[in-house]
Amino acid sequence: MDEESKNSSIEQKKKDHESETAFQKDRDKDKNPNTQR
């Protein structure tokens, strides 16, 4: 795999992870409205 595709695939993974984390936080917030984040 060349550098270009390796880097873009890493970026993609990072983006996926970030949106995943944001999603988790939103879900937790919905579950516990009293929890301060």
C-alpha atoms as a PDB file:
ATOM      1  CA  MET A   1       0.000   0.000   0.000  1.00  0.00           C
ATOM      2  CA  ASP A   2       1.415   3.411  -0.901  1.00  0.00           C
ATOM      3  CA  GLU A   3       1.764   6.291   1.572  1.00  0.00           C
ATOM      4  CA  GLU A   4      -1.200   8.216   0.144  1.00  0.00           C
ATOM      5  CA  SER A   5      -3.758   5.463   0.688  1.00  0.00           C
ATOM      6  CA  LYS A   6      -2.279   4.510   4.041  1.00  0.00           C
ATOM      7  CA  ASN A   7      -2.668   8.068   5.310  1.00  0.00           C
ATOM      8  CA  SER A   8      -6.191   8.501   4.000  1.00  0.00           C
ATOM      9  CA  SER A   9      -7.232   5.223   5.566  1.00  0.00           C
ATOM     10  CA  ILE A  10      -5.798   6.354   8.905  1.00  0.00           C
ATOM     11  CA  GLU A  11      -7.689   9.646   8.613  1.00  0.00           C
ATOM     12  CA  GLN A  12     -10.880   7.731   7.878  1.00  0.00           C
ATOM     13  CA  LYS A  13     -10.405   5.546  10.953  1.00  0.00           C
ATOM     14  CA  LYS A  14      -9.855   8.629  13.094  1.00  0.00           C
ATOM     15  CA  LYS A  15     -13.029  10.231  11.762  1.00  0.00           C
ATOM     16  CA  ASP A  16     -15.023   7.067  12.360  1.00  0.00           C
ATOM     17  CA  HIS A  17     -13.707   6.843  15.898  1.00  0.00           C
ATOM     18  CA  GLU A  18     -14.513  10.484  16.631  1.00  0.00           C
ATOM     19  CA  SER A  19     -18.092  10.232  15.390  1.00  0.00           C
ATOM     20  CA  GLU A  20     -18.452   6.960  17.290  1.00  0.00           C
ATOM     21  CA  THR A  21     -17.306   8.654  20.511  1.00  0.00           C
ATOM     22  CA  ALA A  22     -19.593  11.630  19.984  1.00  0.00           C
ATOM     23  CA  PHE A  23     -22.470   9.233  19.401  1.00  0.00           C
ATOM     24  CA  GLN A  24     -21.691   7.373  22.629  1.00  0.00           C
ATOM     25  CA  LYS A  25     -21.614  10.628  24.601  1.00  0.00           C
ATOM     26  CA  ASP A  26     -24.967  11.693  23.167  1.00  0.00           C
ATOM     27  CA  ARG A  27     -26.508   8.362  24.048  1.00  0.00           C
ATOM     28  CA  ASP A  28     -25.143   8.474  27.584  1.00  0.00           C
ATOM     29  CA  LYS A  29     -26.402  12.032  27.968  1.00  0.00           C
ATOM     30  CA  ASP A  30     -29.883  10.924  26.892  1.00  0.00           C
ATOM     31  CA  LYS A  31     -29.770   8.083  29.397  1.00  0.00           C
ATOM     32  CA  ASN A  32     -28.616  10.293  32.314  1.00  0.00           C
ATOM     33  CA  PRO A  33     -29.895  13.847  31.810  1.00  0.00           C
ATOM     34  CA  ASN A  34     -28.480  14.746  35.241  1.00  0.00           C
ATOM     35  CA  THR A  35     -24.922  13.764  34.329  1.00  0.00           C
ATOM     36  CA  GLN A  36     -22.687  16.772  33.725  1.00  0.00           C
ATOM     37  CA  ARG A  37     -20.157  16.205  30.951  1.00  0.00           C
END
